[in-house]
């Protein structure tokens, strides 16, 4: 059974940092691209960042470029999203997405003073 479990969300002040993690199981993690997706209150889903199977190719939406870094550990089967200089508009439920339409349950990130 494919499982994705996110962690690391929380409440942070503007300008702060958080590191999200997603632990994967039930599939050959090192063979698949992984993605972080977010949904802000009252808005649609937004693909934040993607990393290819080997970790050598990444992409980001323009609004997080230079502030977020995606990485993966193919030994520990985890994918991470390091977020710096957080802004109120980064407030959202963040999901880890993988193969076969798999999604985690999400972790809430709230940026507020």
PDB file of N, CA and C in Angstrom:
ATOM      1  N   UNK A   1       0.842  -1.188   0.000  1.00  0.00           N
ATOM      2  CA  UNK A   1       0.000   0.000   0.000  1.00  0.00           C
ATOM      3  C   UNK A   1       0.884   1.248   0.000  1.00  0.00           C
ATOM      4  N   UNK A   2       0.628   2.123  -0.954  1.00  0.00           N
ATOM      5  CA  UNK A   2       1.376   3.375  -1.017  1.00  0.00           C
ATOM      6  C   UNK A   2       0.939   4.287   0.121  1.00  0.00           C
ATOM      7  N   UNK A   3       1.914   4.800   0.867  1.00  0.00           N
ATOM      8  CA  UNK A   3       1.616   5.749   1.941  1.00  0.00           C
ATOM      9  C   UNK A   3       2.568   6.931   1.873  1.00  0.00           C
ATOM     10  N   UNK A   4       2.014   8.105   2.064  1.00  0.00           N
ATOM     11  CA  UNK A   4       2.798   9.333   2.149  1.00  0.00           C
ATOM     12  C   UNK A   4       2.353  10.057   3.415  1.00  0.00           C
ATOM     13  N   UNK A   5       3.305  10.371   4.278  1.00  0.00           N
ATOM     14  CA  UNK A   5       2.984  11.006   5.550  1.00  0.00           C
ATOM     15  C   UNK A   5       3.819  12.264   5.705  1.00  0.00           C
ATOM     16  N   UNK A   6       3.126  13.398   5.708  1.00  0.00           N
ATOM     17  CA  UNK A   6       3.807  14.680   5.837  1.00  0.00           C
ATOM     18  C   UNK A   6       3.950  15.084   7.300  1.00  0.00           C
ATOM     19  N   UNK A   7       4.957  15.885   7.558  1.00  0.00           N
ATOM     20  CA  UNK A   7       5.160  16.434   8.890  1.00  0.00           C
ATOM     21  C   UNK A   7       5.932  17.741   8.767  1.00  0.00           C
ATOM     22  N   UNK A   8       5.970  18.495   9.856  1.00  0.00           N
ATOM     23  CA  UNK A   8       6.798  19.688   9.898  1.00  0.00           C
ATOM     24  C   UNK A   8       6.069  21.008   9.785  1.00  0.00           C
ATOM     25  N   UNK A   9       4.770  20.972   9.557  1.00  0.00           N
ATOM     26  CA  UNK A   9       4.033  22.213   9.460  1.00  0.00           C
ATOM     27  C   UNK A   9       3.890  22.893  10.813  1.00  0.00           C
ATOM     28  N   UNK A  10       3.335  24.104  10.785  1.00  0.00           N
ATOM     29  CA  UNK A  10       3.129  24.820  12.028  1.00  0.00           C
ATOM     30  C   UNK A  10       2.838  26.283  11.789  1.00  0.00           C
ATOM     31  N   UNK A  11       2.856  27.031  12.873  1.00  0.00           N
ATOM     32  CA  UNK A  11       2.631  28.472  12.843  1.00  0.00           C
ATOM     33  C   UNK A  11       3.978  29.168  12.922  1.00  0.00           C
ATOM     34  N   UNK A  12       4.222  30.077  11.996  1.00  0.00           N
ATOM     35  CA  UNK A  12       5.497  30.786  11.958  1.00  0.00           C
ATOM     36  C   UNK A  12       5.240  32.237  11.597  1.00  0.00           C
ATOM     37  N   UNK A  13       6.078  33.122  12.099  1.00  0.00           N
ATOM     38  CA  UNK A  13       5.951  34.538  11.770  1.00  0.00           C
ATOM     39  C   UNK A  13       6.487  34.820  10.379  1.00  0.00           C
ATOM     40  N   UNK A  14       5.993  35.874   9.750  1.00  0.00           N
ATOM     41  CA  UNK A  14       6.553  36.259   8.450  1.00  0.00           C
ATOM     42  C   UNK A  14       8.069  36.411   8.534  1.00  0.00           C
ATOM     43  N   UNK A  15       8.736  35.888   7.524  1.00  0.00           N
ATOM     44  CA  UNK A  15      10.192  35.896   7.512  1.00  0.00           C
ATOM     45  C   UNK A  15      10.814  34.658   8.134  1.00  0.00           C
ATOM     46  N   UNK A  16      10.003  33.839   8.743  1.00  0.00           N
ATOM     47  CA  UNK A  16      10.506  32.638   9.397  1.00  0.00           C
ATOM     48  C   UNK A  16      10.724  31.483   8.435  1.00  0.00           C
ATOM     49  N   UNK A  17      11.116  30.348   9.012  1.00  0.00           N
ATOM     50  CA  UNK A  17      11.441  29.169   8.214  1.00  0.00           C
ATOM     51  C   UNK A  17      10.728  27.946   8.766  1.00  0.00           C
ATOM     52  N   UNK A  18      10.484  27.009   7.890  1.00  0.00           N
ATOM     53  CA  UNK A  18       9.968  25.692   8.260  1.00  0.00           C
ATOM     54  C   UNK A  18      10.550  24.670   7.312  1.00  0.00           C
ATOM     55  N   UNK A  19      10.634  23.449   7.787  1.00  0.00           N
ATOM     56  CA  UNK A  19      11.073  22.338   6.949  1.00  0.00           C
ATOM     57  C   UNK A  19       9.999  21.265   6.992  1.00  0.00           C
ATOM     58  N   UNK A  20       9.419  21.007   5.838  1.00  0.00           N
ATOM     59  CA  UNK A  20       8.430  19.954   5.715  1.00  0.00           C
ATOM     60  C   UNK A  20       9.107  18.668   5.269  1.00  0.00           C
ATOM     61  N   UNK A  21       8.604  17.556   5.774  1.00  0.00           N
ATOM     62  CA  UNK A  21       9.099  16.252   5.361  1.00  0.00           C
ATOM     63  C   UNK A  21       7.937  15.359   4.973  1.00  0.00           C
ATOM     64  N   UNK A  22       8.222  14.456   4.070  1.00  0.00           N
ATOM     65  CA  UNK A  22       7.228  13.480   3.637  1.00  0.00           C
ATOM     66  C   UNK A  22       7.910  12.111   3.634  1.00  0.00           C
ATOM     67  N   UNK A  23       7.382  11.207   4.427  1.00  0.00           N
ATOM     68  CA  UNK A  23       7.910   9.850   4.488  1.00  0.00           C
ATOM     69  C   UNK A  23       7.074   8.957   3.588  1.00  0.00           C
ATOM     70  N   UNK A  24       7.733   8.263   2.680  1.00  0.00           N
ATOM     71  CA  UNK A  24       7.042   7.442   1.688  1.00  0.00           C
ATOM     72  C   UNK A  24       7.274   5.956   1.953  1.00  0.00           C
ATOM     73  N   UNK A  25       6.272   5.154   1.633  1.00  0.00           N
ATOM     74  CA  UNK A  25       6.404   3.709   1.748  1.00  0.00           C
ATOM     75  C   UNK A  25       5.444   3.040   0.781  1.00  0.00           C
ATOM     76  N   UNK A  26       5.711   1.768   0.509  1.00  0.00           N
ATOM     77  CA  UNK A  26       4.804   0.992  -0.323  1.00  0.00           C
ATOM     78  C   UNK A  26       5.110   1.027  -1.807  1.00  0.00           C
ATOM     79  N   UNK A  27       6.182   1.689  -2.198  1.00  0.00           N
ATOM     80  CA  UNK A  27       6.595   1.698  -3.597  1.00  0.00           C
ATOM     81  C   UNK A  27       8.097   1.956  -3.668  1.00  0.00           C
ATOM     82  N   UNK A  28       8.659   1.782  -4.841  1.00  0.00           N
ATOM     83  CA  UNK A  28      10.102   1.981  -5.021  1.00  0.00           C
ATOM     84  C   UNK A  28      10.351   3.484  -5.152  1.00  0.00           C
ATOM     85  N   UNK A  29      10.571   4.110  -4.027  1.00  0.00           N
ATOM     86  CA  UNK A  29      10.634   5.563  -3.941  1.00  0.00           C
ATOM     87  C   UNK A  29      11.642   6.152  -4.920  1.00  0.00           C
ATOM     88  N   UNK A  30      12.789   5.546  -5.033  1.00  0.00           N
ATOM     89  CA  UNK A  30      13.871   6.108  -5.845  1.00  0.00           C
ATOM     90  C   UNK A  30      13.564   6.121  -7.337  1.00  0.00           C
ATOM     91  N   UNK A  31      12.460   5.530  -7.745  1.00  0.00           N
ATOM     92  CA  UNK A  31      12.115   5.460  -9.166  1.00  0.00           C
ATOM     93  C   UNK A  31      11.154   6.543  -9.617  1.00  0.00           C
ATOM     94  N   UNK A  32      10.670   7.360  -8.688  1.00  0.00           N
ATOM     95  CA  UNK A  32       9.569   8.261  -9.024  1.00  0.00           C
ATOM     96  C   UNK A  32       9.820   9.725  -8.670  1.00  0.00           C
ATOM     97  N   UNK A  33       9.289  10.580  -9.545  1.00  0.00           N
ATOM     98  CA  UNK A  33       9.224  11.995  -9.248  1.00  0.00           C
ATOM     99  C   UNK A  33       8.280  12.248  -8.086  1.00  0.00           C
ATOM    100  N   UNK A  34       8.634  13.211  -7.259  1.00  0.00           N
ATOM    101  CA  UNK A  34       7.794  13.586  -6.133  1.00  0.00           C
ATOM    102  C   UNK A  34       7.485  15.077  -6.200  1.00  0.00           C
ATOM    103  N   UNK A  35       6.347  15.435  -5.667  1.00  0.00           N
ATOM    104  CA  UNK A  35       5.859  16.805  -5.797  1.00  0.00           C
ATOM    105  C   UNK A  35       5.288  17.289  -4.476  1.00  0.00           C
ATOM    106  N   UNK A  36       5.490  18.569  -4.183  1.00  0.00           N
ATOM    107  CA  UNK A  36       4.785  19.242  -3.100  1.00  0.00           C
ATOM    108  C   UNK A  36       3.709  20.133  -3.728  1.00  0.00           C
ATOM    109  N   UNK A  37       2.500  19.997  -3.206  1.00  0.00           N
ATOM    110  CA  UNK A  37       1.341  20.744  -3.681  1.00  0.00           C
ATOM    111  C   UNK A  37       0.736  21.447  -2.479  1.00  0.00           C
ATOM    112  N   UNK A  38       0.177  22.627  -2.688  1.00  0.00           N
ATOM    113  CA  UNK A  38      -0.465  23.309  -1.577  1.00  0.00           C
ATOM    114  C   UNK A  38      -1.845  23.821  -1.979  1.00  0.00           C
ATOM    115  N   UNK A  39      -2.648  24.022  -0.952  1.00  0.00           N
ATOM    116  CA  UNK A  39      -3.971  24.600  -1.157  1.00  0.00           C
ATOM    117  C   UNK A  39      -4.215  25.648  -0.085  1.00  0.00           C
ATOM    118  N   UNK A  40      -4.284  26.882  -0.511  1.00  0.00           N
ATOM    119  CA  UNK A  40      -4.563  27.979   0.400  1.00  0.00           C
ATOM    120  C   UNK A  40      -6.060  28.045   0.659  1.00  0.00           C
ATOM    121  N   UNK A  41      -6.450  28.654   1.766  1.00  0.00           N
ATOM    122  CA  UNK A  41      -7.871  28.750   2.087  1.00  0.00           C
ATOM    123  C   UNK A  41      -8.671  29.401   0.954  1.00  0.00           C
ATOM    124  N   UNK A  42      -9.700  28.715   0.501  1.00  0.00           N
ATOM    125  CA  UNK A  42     -10.564  29.258  -0.534  1.00  0.00           C
ATOM    126  C   UNK A  42      -9.983  29.259  -1.934  1.00  0.00           C
ATOM    127  N   UNK A  43      -8.833  28.605  -2.119  1.00  0.00           N
ATOM    128  CA  UNK A  43      -8.192  28.604  -3.429  1.00  0.00           C
ATOM    129  C   UNK A  43      -7.976  27.181  -3.919  1.00  0.00           C
ATOM    130  N   UNK A  44      -7.557  27.073  -5.168  1.00  0.00           N
ATOM    131  CA  UNK A  44      -7.324  25.762  -5.750  1.00  0.00           C
ATOM    132  C   UNK A  44      -5.955  25.209  -5.420  1.00  0.00           C
ATOM    133  N   UNK A  45      -5.704  24.016  -5.919  1.00  0.00           N
ATOM    134  CA  UNK A  45      -4.417  23.366  -5.697  1.00  0.00           C
ATOM    135  C   UNK A  45      -3.333  24.051  -6.520  1.00  0.00           C
ATOM    136  N   UNK A  46      -2.149  24.118  -5.957  1.00  0.00           N
ATOM    137  CA  UNK A  46      -1.025  24.774  -6.612  1.00  0.00           C
ATOM    138  C   UNK A  46       0.199  23.878  -6.460  1.00  0.00           C
ATOM    139  N   UNK A  47       0.804  23.510  -7.592  1.00  0.00           N
ATOM    140  CA  UNK A  47       2.007  22.687  -7.553  1.00  0.00           C
ATOM    141  C   UNK A  47       3.184  23.569  -7.171  1.00  0.00           C
ATOM    142  N   UNK A  48       3.738  23.348  -6.013  1.00  0.00           N
ATOM    143  CA  UNK A  48       4.781  24.210  -5.478  1.00  0.00           C
ATOM    144  C   UNK A  48       6.151  23.836  -6.028  1.00  0.00           C
ATOM    145  N   UNK A  49       6.482  22.551  -5.970  1.00  0.00           N
ATOM    146  CA  UNK A  49       7.824  22.133  -6.364  1.00  0.00           C
ATOM    147  C   UNK A  49       7.831  20.662  -6.702  1.00  0.00           C
ATOM    148  N   UNK A  50       8.714  20.290  -7.611  1.00  0.00           N
ATOM    149  CA  UNK A  50       8.850  18.911  -8.055  1.00  0.00           C
ATOM    150  C   UNK A  50      10.314  18.532  -8.093  1.00  0.00           C
ATOM    151  N   UNK A  51      10.598  17.282  -7.785  1.00  0.00           N
ATOM    152  CA  UNK A  51      11.963  16.763  -7.860  1.00  0.00           C
ATOM    153  C   UNK A  51      11.923  15.422  -8.571  1.00  0.00           C
ATOM    154  N   UNK A  52      12.872  15.217  -9.475  1.00  0.00           N
ATOM    155  CA  UNK A  52      12.851  13.967 -10.238  1.00  0.00           C
ATOM    156  C   UNK A  52      13.392  12.821  -9.386  1.00  0.00           C
ATOM    157  N   UNK A  53      13.370  11.636  -9.937  1.00  0.00           N
ATOM    158  CA  UNK A  53      13.664  10.435  -9.155  1.00  0.00           C
ATOM    159  C   UNK A  53      15.064  10.454  -8.541  1.00  0.00           C
ATOM    160  N   UNK A  54      16.029  10.954  -9.288  1.00  0.00           N
ATOM    161  CA  UNK A  54      17.403  10.967  -8.798  1.00  0.00           C
ATOM    162  C   UNK A  54      17.753  12.185  -7.980  1.00  0.00           C
ATOM    163  N   UNK A  55      16.880  13.169  -7.982  1.00  0.00           N
ATOM    164  CA  UNK A  55      17.118  14.383  -7.208  1.00  0.00           C
ATOM    165  C   UNK A  55      17.899  15.451  -7.935  1.00  0.00           C
ATOM    166  N   UNK A  56      18.276  15.183  -9.175  1.00  0.00           N
ATOM    167  CA  UNK A  56      19.116  16.140  -9.878  1.00  0.00           C
ATOM    168  C   UNK A  56      18.370  17.214 -10.639  1.00  0.00           C
ATOM    169  N   UNK A  57      17.068  17.081 -10.715  1.00  0.00           N
ATOM    170  CA  UNK A  57      16.272  18.054 -11.451  1.00  0.00           C
ATOM    171  C   UNK A  57      15.114  18.507 -10.580  1.00  0.00           C
ATOM    172  N   UNK A  58      15.004  19.803 -10.393  1.00  0.00           N
ATOM    173  CA  UNK A  58      13.941  20.356  -9.567  1.00  0.00           C
ATOM    174  C   UNK A  58      13.240  21.492 -10.305  1.00  0.00           C
ATOM    175  N   UNK A  59      12.044  21.784  -9.881  1.00  0.00           N
ATOM    176  CA  UNK A  59      11.317  22.927 -10.425  1.00  0.00           C
ATOM    177  C   UNK A  59      10.473  23.554  -9.323  1.00  0.00           C
ATOM    178  N   UNK A  60      10.198  24.843  -9.508  1.00  0.00           N
ATOM    179  CA  UNK A  60       9.453  25.611  -8.508  1.00  0.00           C
ATOM    180  C   UNK A  60       8.507  26.574  -9.203  1.00  0.00           C
ATOM    181  N   UNK A  61       7.404  26.868  -8.532  1.00  0.00           N
ATOM    182  CA  UNK A  61       6.584  27.962  -9.030  1.00  0.00           C
ATOM    183  C   UNK A  61       7.330  29.264  -8.748  1.00  0.00           C
ATOM    184  N   UNK A  62       7.019  30.268  -9.559  1.00  0.00           N
ATOM    185  CA  UNK A  62       7.761  31.531  -9.471  1.00  0.00           C
ATOM    186  C   UNK A  62       7.682  32.161  -8.081  1.00  0.00           C
ATOM    187  N   UNK A  63       6.559  32.036  -7.433  1.00  0.00           N
ATOM    188  CA  UNK A  63       6.357  32.737  -6.159  1.00  0.00           C
ATOM    189  C   UNK A  63       7.234  32.197  -5.026  1.00  0.00           C
ATOM    190  N   UNK A  64       7.831  31.019  -5.190  1.00  0.00           N
ATOM    191  CA  UNK A  64       8.674  30.462  -4.117  1.00  0.00           C
ATOM    192  C   UNK A  64      10.132  30.323  -4.536  1.00  0.00           C
ATOM    193  N   UNK A  65      10.445  30.640  -5.781  1.00  0.00           N
ATOM    194  CA  UNK A  65      11.837  30.519  -6.238  1.00  0.00           C
ATOM    195  C   UNK A  65      12.759  31.391  -5.389  1.00  0.00           C
ATOM    196  N   UNK A  66      13.862  30.785  -4.992  1.00  0.00           N
ATOM    197  CA  UNK A  66      14.820  31.503  -4.155  1.00  0.00           C
ATOM    198  C   UNK A  66      14.499  31.449  -2.672  1.00  0.00           C
ATOM    199  N   UNK A  67      13.323  30.953  -2.321  1.00  0.00           N
ATOM    200  CA  UNK A  67      12.933  30.862  -0.904  1.00  0.00           C
ATOM    201  C   UNK A  67      12.743  29.416  -0.452  1.00  0.00           C
ATOM    202  N   UNK A  68      12.294  28.559  -1.360  1.00  0.00           N
ATOM    203  CA  UNK A  68      12.045  27.151  -1.028  1.00  0.00           C
ATOM    204  C   UNK A  68      13.072  26.271  -1.723  1.00  0.00           C
ATOM    205  N   UNK A  69      13.424  25.172  -1.067  1.00  0.00           N
ATOM    206  CA  UNK A  69      14.317  24.187  -1.661  1.00  0.00           C
ATOM    207  C   UNK A  69      13.754  22.793  -1.428  1.00  0.00           C
ATOM    208  N   UNK A  70      13.571  22.056  -2.507  1.00  0.00           N
ATOM    209  CA  UNK A  70      13.104  20.681  -2.408  1.00  0.00           C
ATOM    210  C   UNK A  70      14.322  19.757  -2.460  1.00  0.00           C
ATOM    211  N   UNK A  71      14.246  18.663  -1.704  1.00  0.00           N
ATOM    212  CA  UNK A  71      15.330  17.681  -1.716  1.00  0.00           C
ATOM    213  C   UNK A  71      14.734  16.312  -1.398  1.00  0.00           C
ATOM    214  N   UNK A  72      15.525  15.297  -1.615  1.00  0.00           N
ATOM    215  CA  UNK A  72      15.039  13.949  -1.314  1.00  0.00           C
ATOM    216  C   UNK A  72      16.195  13.092  -0.832  1.00  0.00           C
ATOM    217  N   UNK A  73      15.842  12.073  -0.081  1.00  0.00           N
ATOM    218  CA  UNK A  73      16.808  11.085   0.397  1.00  0.00           C
ATOM    219  C   UNK A  73      16.279   9.725  -0.026  1.00  0.00           C
ATOM    220  N   UNK A  74      16.904   9.149  -1.033  1.00  0.00           N
ATOM    221  CA  UNK A  74      16.423   7.880  -1.586  1.00  0.00           C
ATOM    222  C   UNK A  74      16.845   6.663  -0.756  1.00  0.00           C
ATOM    223  N   UNK A  75      17.560   6.896   0.312  1.00  0.00           N
ATOM    224  CA  UNK A  75      17.847   5.826   1.271  1.00  0.00           C
ATOM    225  C   UNK A  75      16.782   5.816   2.363  1.00  0.00           C
ATOM    226  N   UNK A  76      16.451   7.013   2.846  1.00  0.00           N
ATOM    227  CA  UNK A  76      15.440   7.120   3.896  1.00  0.00           C
ATOM    228  C   UNK A  76      14.022   7.212   3.341  1.00  0.00           C
ATOM    229  N   UNK A  77      13.894   7.299   2.013  1.00  0.00           N
ATOM    230  CA  UNK A  77      12.580   7.416   1.363  1.00  0.00           C
ATOM    231  C   UNK A  77      11.808   8.636   1.862  1.00  0.00           C
ATOM    232  N   UNK A  78      12.474   9.760   1.857  1.00  0.00           N
ATOM    233  CA  UNK A  78      11.830  11.002   2.269  1.00  0.00           C
ATOM    234  C   UNK A  78      12.053  12.091   1.214  1.00  0.00           C
ATOM    235  N   UNK A  79      11.093  12.977   1.150  1.00  0.00           N
ATOM    236  CA  UNK A  79      11.224  14.177   0.333  1.00  0.00           C
ATOM    237  C   UNK A  79      10.928  15.364   1.238  1.00  0.00           C
ATOM    238  N   UNK A  80      11.741  16.391   1.118  1.00  0.00           N
ATOM    239  CA  UNK A  80      11.674  17.525   2.026  1.00  0.00           C
ATOM    240  C   UNK A  80      11.435  18.824   1.280  1.00  0.00           C
ATOM    241  N   UNK A  81      10.865  19.777   1.985  1.00  0.00           N
ATOM    242  CA  UNK A  81      10.700  21.113   1.434  1.00  0.00           C
ATOM    243  C   UNK A  81      11.168  22.099   2.500  1.00  0.00           C
ATOM    244  N   UNK A  82      12.323  22.673   2.270  1.00  0.00           N
ATOM    245  CA  UNK A  82      12.853  23.690   3.171  1.00  0.00           C
ATOM    246  C   UNK A  82      12.323  25.036   2.721  1.00  0.00           C
ATOM    247  N   UNK A  83      11.676  25.728   3.633  1.00  0.00           N
ATOM    248  CA  UNK A  83      11.024  26.993   3.290  1.00  0.00           C
ATOM    249  C   UNK A  83      11.627  28.118   4.126  1.00  0.00           C
ATOM    250  N   UNK A  84      12.139  29.118   3.444  1.00  0.00           N
ATOM    251  CA  UNK A  84      12.712  30.288   4.091  1.00  0.00           C
ATOM    252  C   UNK A  84      11.894  31.531   3.726  1.00  0.00           C
ATOM    253  N   UNK A  85      12.116  32.585   4.489  1.00  0.00           N
ATOM    254  CA  UNK A  85      11.481  33.883   4.197  1.00  0.00           C
ATOM    255  C   UNK A  85       9.990  33.722   3.934  1.00  0.00           C
ATOM    256  N   UNK A  86       9.339  33.019   4.811  1.00  0.00           N
ATOM    257  CA  UNK A  86       7.920  32.731   4.608  1.00  0.00           C
ATOM    258  C   UNK A  86       7.076  33.995   4.658  1.00  0.00           C
ATOM    259  N   UNK A  87       6.028  33.969   3.845  1.00  0.00           N
ATOM    260  CA  UNK A  87       5.123  35.100   3.713  1.00  0.00           C
ATOM    261  C   UNK A  87       3.705  34.664   4.077  1.00  0.00           C
ATOM    262  N   UNK A  88       2.857  35.583   4.464  1.00  0.00           N
ATOM    263  CA  UNK A  88       1.468  35.197   4.770  1.00  0.00           C
ATOM    264  C   UNK A  88       0.800  34.458   3.614  1.00  0.00           C
ATOM    265  N   UNK A  89       1.147  34.809   2.399  1.00  0.00           N
ATOM    266  CA  UNK A  89       0.543  34.137   1.247  1.00  0.00           C
ATOM    267  C   UNK A  89       1.025  32.706   1.056  1.00  0.00           C
ATOM    268  N   UNK A  90       2.003  32.273   1.837  1.00  0.00           N
ATOM    269  CA  UNK A  90       2.419  30.871   1.819  1.00  0.00           C
ATOM    270  C   UNK A  90       1.529  30.011   2.713  1.00  0.00           C
ATOM    271  N   UNK A  91       0.643  30.649   3.455  1.00  0.00           N
ATOM    272  CA  UNK A  91      -0.269  29.902   4.311  1.00  0.00           C
ATOM    273  C   UNK A  91      -1.127  28.964   3.476  1.00  0.00           C
ATOM    274  N   UNK A  92      -1.078  27.686   3.816  1.00  0.00           N
ATOM    275  CA  UNK A  92      -1.801  26.679   3.042  1.00  0.00           C
ATOM    276  C   UNK A  92      -1.659  25.324   3.709  1.00  0.00           C
ATOM    277  N   UNK A  93      -2.445  24.401   3.214  1.00  0.00           N
ATOM    278  CA  UNK A  93      -2.254  22.989   3.555  1.00  0.00           C
ATOM    279  C   UNK A  93      -1.312  22.412   2.497  1.00  0.00           C
ATOM    280  N   UNK A  94      -0.208  21.868   2.936  1.00  0.00           N
ATOM    281  CA  UNK A  94       0.821  21.361   2.029  1.00  0.00           C
ATOM    282  C   UNK A  94       0.741  19.839   1.952  1.00  0.00           C
ATOM    283  N   UNK A  95       0.686  19.357   0.718  1.00  0.00           N
ATOM    284  CA  UNK A  95       0.589  17.921   0.472  1.00  0.00           C
ATOM    285  C   UNK A  95       1.824  17.432  -0.266  1.00  0.00           C
ATOM    286  N   UNK A  96       2.166  16.204   0.028  1.00  0.00           N
ATOM    287  CA  UNK A  96       3.174  15.471  -0.722  1.00  0.00           C
ATOM    288  C   UNK A  96       2.425  14.572  -1.707  1.00  0.00           C
ATOM    289  N   UNK A  97       2.843  14.578  -2.953  1.00  0.00           N
ATOM    290  CA  UNK A  97       2.177  13.763  -3.971  1.00  0.00           C
ATOM    291  C   UNK A  97       3.197  12.881  -4.668  1.00  0.00           C
ATOM    292  N   UNK A  98       2.791  11.653  -4.934  1.00  0.00           N
ATOM    293  CA  UNK A  98       3.704  10.704  -5.562  1.00  0.00           C
ATOM    294  C   UNK A  98       3.043   9.939  -6.680  1.00  0.00           C
ATOM    295  N   UNK A  99       3.557   8.754  -6.971  1.00  0.00           N
ATOM    296  CA  UNK A  99       3.041   7.980  -8.102  1.00  0.00           C
ATOM    297  C   UNK A  99       1.673   7.381  -7.827  1.00  0.00           C
ATOM    298  N   UNK A 100       1.047   6.961  -8.890  1.00  0.00           N
ATOM    299  CA  UNK A 100      -0.245   6.244  -8.831  1.00  0.00           C
ATOM    300  C   UNK A 100      -1.335   7.113  -8.203  1.00  0.00           C
ATOM    301  N   UNK A 101      -1.213   8.421  -8.314  1.00  0.00           N
ATOM    302  CA  UNK A 101      -2.205   9.317  -7.743  1.00  0.00           C
ATOM    303  C   UNK A 101      -2.166   9.407  -6.235  1.00  0.00           C
ATOM    304  N   UNK A 102      -1.056   9.041  -5.645  1.00  0.00           N
ATOM    305  CA  UNK A 102      -0.980   9.019  -4.184  1.00  0.00           C
ATOM    306  C   UNK A 102      -0.774  10.423  -3.610  1.00  0.00           C
ATOM    307  N   UNK A 103      -1.400  10.661  -2.473  1.00  0.00           N
ATOM    308  CA  UNK A 103      -1.308  11.917  -1.738  1.00  0.00           C
ATOM    309  C   UNK A 103      -1.203  11.598  -0.248  1.00  0.00           C
ATOM    310  N   UNK A 104      -0.542  12.512   0.451  1.00  0.00           N
ATOM    311  CA  UNK A 104      -0.565  12.409   1.899  1.00  0.00           C
ATOM    312  C   UNK A 104      -1.789  13.108   2.459  1.00  0.00           C
ATOM    313  N   UNK A 105      -1.833  13.190   3.777  1.00  0.00           N
ATOM    314  CA  UNK A 105      -2.971  13.822   4.434  1.00  0.00           C
ATOM    315  C   UNK A 105      -2.805  15.325   4.566  1.00  0.00           C
ATOM    316  N   UNK A 106      -1.595  15.794   4.325  1.00  0.00           N
ATOM    317  CA  UNK A 106      -1.332  17.225   4.381  1.00  0.00           C
ATOM    318  C   UNK A 106      -0.810  17.680   5.724  1.00  0.00           C
ATOM    319  N   UNK A 107      -0.059  18.778   5.685  1.00  0.00           N
ATOM    320  CA  UNK A 107       0.428  19.416   6.909  1.00  0.00           C
ATOM    321  C   UNK A 107       0.193  20.917   6.766  1.00  0.00           C
ATOM    322  N   UNK A 108      -0.369  21.509   7.796  1.00  0.00           N
ATOM    323  CA  UNK A 108      -0.774  22.909   7.730  1.00  0.00           C
ATOM    324  C   UNK A 108       0.409  23.834   8.005  1.00  0.00           C
ATOM    325  N   UNK A 109       0.567  24.813   7.137  1.00  0.00           N
ATOM    326  CA  UNK A 109       1.551  25.877   7.339  1.00  0.00           C
ATOM    327  C   UNK A 109       0.788  27.185   7.451  1.00  0.00           C
ATOM    328  N   UNK A 110       0.984  27.876   8.553  1.00  0.00           N
ATOM    329  CA  UNK A 110       0.331  29.168   8.771  1.00  0.00           C
ATOM    330  C   UNK A 110       1.405  30.210   9.041  1.00  0.00           C
ATOM    331  N   UNK A 111       1.410  31.251   8.228  1.00  0.00           N
ATOM    332  CA  UNK A 111       2.385  32.333   8.376  1.00  0.00           C
ATOM    333  C   UNK A 111       1.626  33.581   8.813  1.00  0.00           C
ATOM    334  N   UNK A 112       1.855  33.965  10.047  1.00  0.00           N
ATOM    335  CA  UNK A 112       1.100  35.069  10.613  1.00  0.00           C
ATOM    336  C   UNK A 112       1.845  35.661  11.795  1.00  0.00           C
ATOM    337  N   UNK A 113       1.679  36.961  11.961  1.00  0.00           N
ATOM    338  CA  UNK A 113       2.286  37.610  13.112  1.00  0.00           C
ATOM    339  C   UNK A 113       1.285  37.679  14.269  1.00  0.00           C
TER     340      UNK A 113
END
